[in-house]
Protein backbone atom coordinates (compact mmCIF):
# COMPACT_ATOMS: atom_id res chain seq x y z
CA MET A 1 -7.11 -9.99 -1.99
CA ALA A 2 -3.50 -8.69 -2.00
CA LEU A 3 -4.26 -7.54 -5.86
CA PHE A 4 -6.71 -5.61 -4.89
CA PHE A 5 -5.29 -3.89 -2.16
CA ALA A 6 -1.97 -3.24 -4.39
CA ARG A 7 -4.54 -1.48 -6.86
CA ARG A 8 -6.18 0.60 -4.02
CA GLU A 9 -2.89 1.39 -2.40
CA CYS A 10 -1.62 2.83 -6.41
CA SER A 11 -5.01 4.85 -6.60
CA LYS A 12 -4.68 6.77 -3.22
CA GLU A 13 -0.93 7.40 -3.88
CA GLY A 14 -1.91 8.48 -8.02
CA VAL A 15 0.47 5.83 -9.08
CA GLN A 16 0.45 3.28 -11.86
CA LEU A 17 0.15 -0.38 -10.82
CA LEU A 18 2.60 -2.19 -13.19
CA ASP A 19 1.61 -5.68 -14.49
CA GLN A 20 -1.29 -6.11 -12.47
CA THR A 21 0.49 -8.58 -10.39
CA VAL A 22 1.51 -9.15 -6.85
CA GLN A 23 4.40 -11.70 -5.95
CA GLN A 24 3.72 -13.76 -2.03
CA ILE A 25 7.47 -13.32 -0.70
CA ARG A 26 6.71 -14.02 2.91
CA LEU A 27 4.03 -16.41 4.50
CA SER A 28 3.32 -17.81 8.10
CA ALA A 29 0.56 -18.43 10.70
CA SER A 30 -0.33 -15.50 13.36
CA ARG A 31 -3.17 -14.47 15.88
CA ASP A 32 -5.36 -11.78 15.08
CA HIS A 33 -6.80 -9.29 17.46
CA ASN A 34 -9.27 -12.03 18.67
CA ASP A 35 -6.34 -14.84 19.27
CA GLY A 36 -7.54 -16.43 16.49
CA TRP A 37 -5.14 -18.22 13.95
CA ARG A 38 -4.56 -16.10 10.52
CA LEU A 39 -2.36 -16.53 7.39
CA TRP A 40 0.11 -13.71 7.41
CA ARG A 41 1.37 -13.13 4.15
CA GLU A 42 3.45 -10.36 2.69
CA TYR A 43 3.65 -9.17 -1.19
CA ARG A 44 5.57 -7.27 -3.71
CA PHE A 45 3.98 -5.62 -6.48
CA ASP A 46 5.95 -3.24 -8.75
CA TYR A 47 4.57 0.02 -9.59
CA SER A 48 5.71 3.27 -11.90
CA ILE A 49 5.22 6.94 -11.00
CA ASP A 50 5.93 8.05 -14.25
CA GLY A 51 5.83 5.25 -16.68
CA VAL A 52 9.26 4.96 -17.25
CA ASN A 53 10.96 4.19 -14.02
CA ARG A 54 9.71 1.08 -11.94
CA TYR A 55 9.52 1.16 -8.10
CA GLN A 56 8.74 -1.32 -5.60
CA GLY A 57 5.68 -1.90 -2.91
CA ARG A 58 5.03 -4.07 -0.04
CA LEU A 59 1.65 -5.64 1.61
CA VAL A 60 1.56 -7.23 4.87
CA LEU A 61 -2.26 -9.33 5.03
CA LEU A 62 -3.19 -10.79 8.33
CA GLY A 63 -6.09 -13.02 7.01
CA ASN A 64 -8.12 -10.96 4.64
CA ARG A 65 -7.04 -7.90 6.12
CA LEU A 66 -4.41 -5.29 5.24
CA LEU A 67 -2.04 -4.37 8.07
CA ARG A 68 0.67 -2.33 6.70
CA SER A 69 1.62 -0.86 2.87
CA ALA A 70 4.78 0.75 1.38
CA LEU A 71 5.58 2.25 -1.56
CA GLU A 72 9.61 2.74 -2.13
CA THR A 73 8.94 6.55 -2.53
CA SER A 74 6.90 6.91 1.06
CA LYS A 75 6.99 6.10 4.48
CA PRO A 76 5.03 2.69 5.47
CA VAL A 77 1.06 3.57 6.35
CA ILE A 78 -0.24 1.31 9.33
CA HIS A 79 -3.86 0.25 8.64
């Protein structure tokens, strides 16, 4: 799911996802809007604007739902 969201966010911003991978950096349990327990995960990924320089992006997922995404060169997007 994280790779799908990373690809989608990069596509929306017109940037290139590098290495076609995401790396999980945090994991915990959290309650969703229905008060049910879900896995809360944060991921990082690398992308390029120009094919030369490397930037970092982040995703936050609760269960299979994207909560937040951020690219180094833009403000965080709350979903």
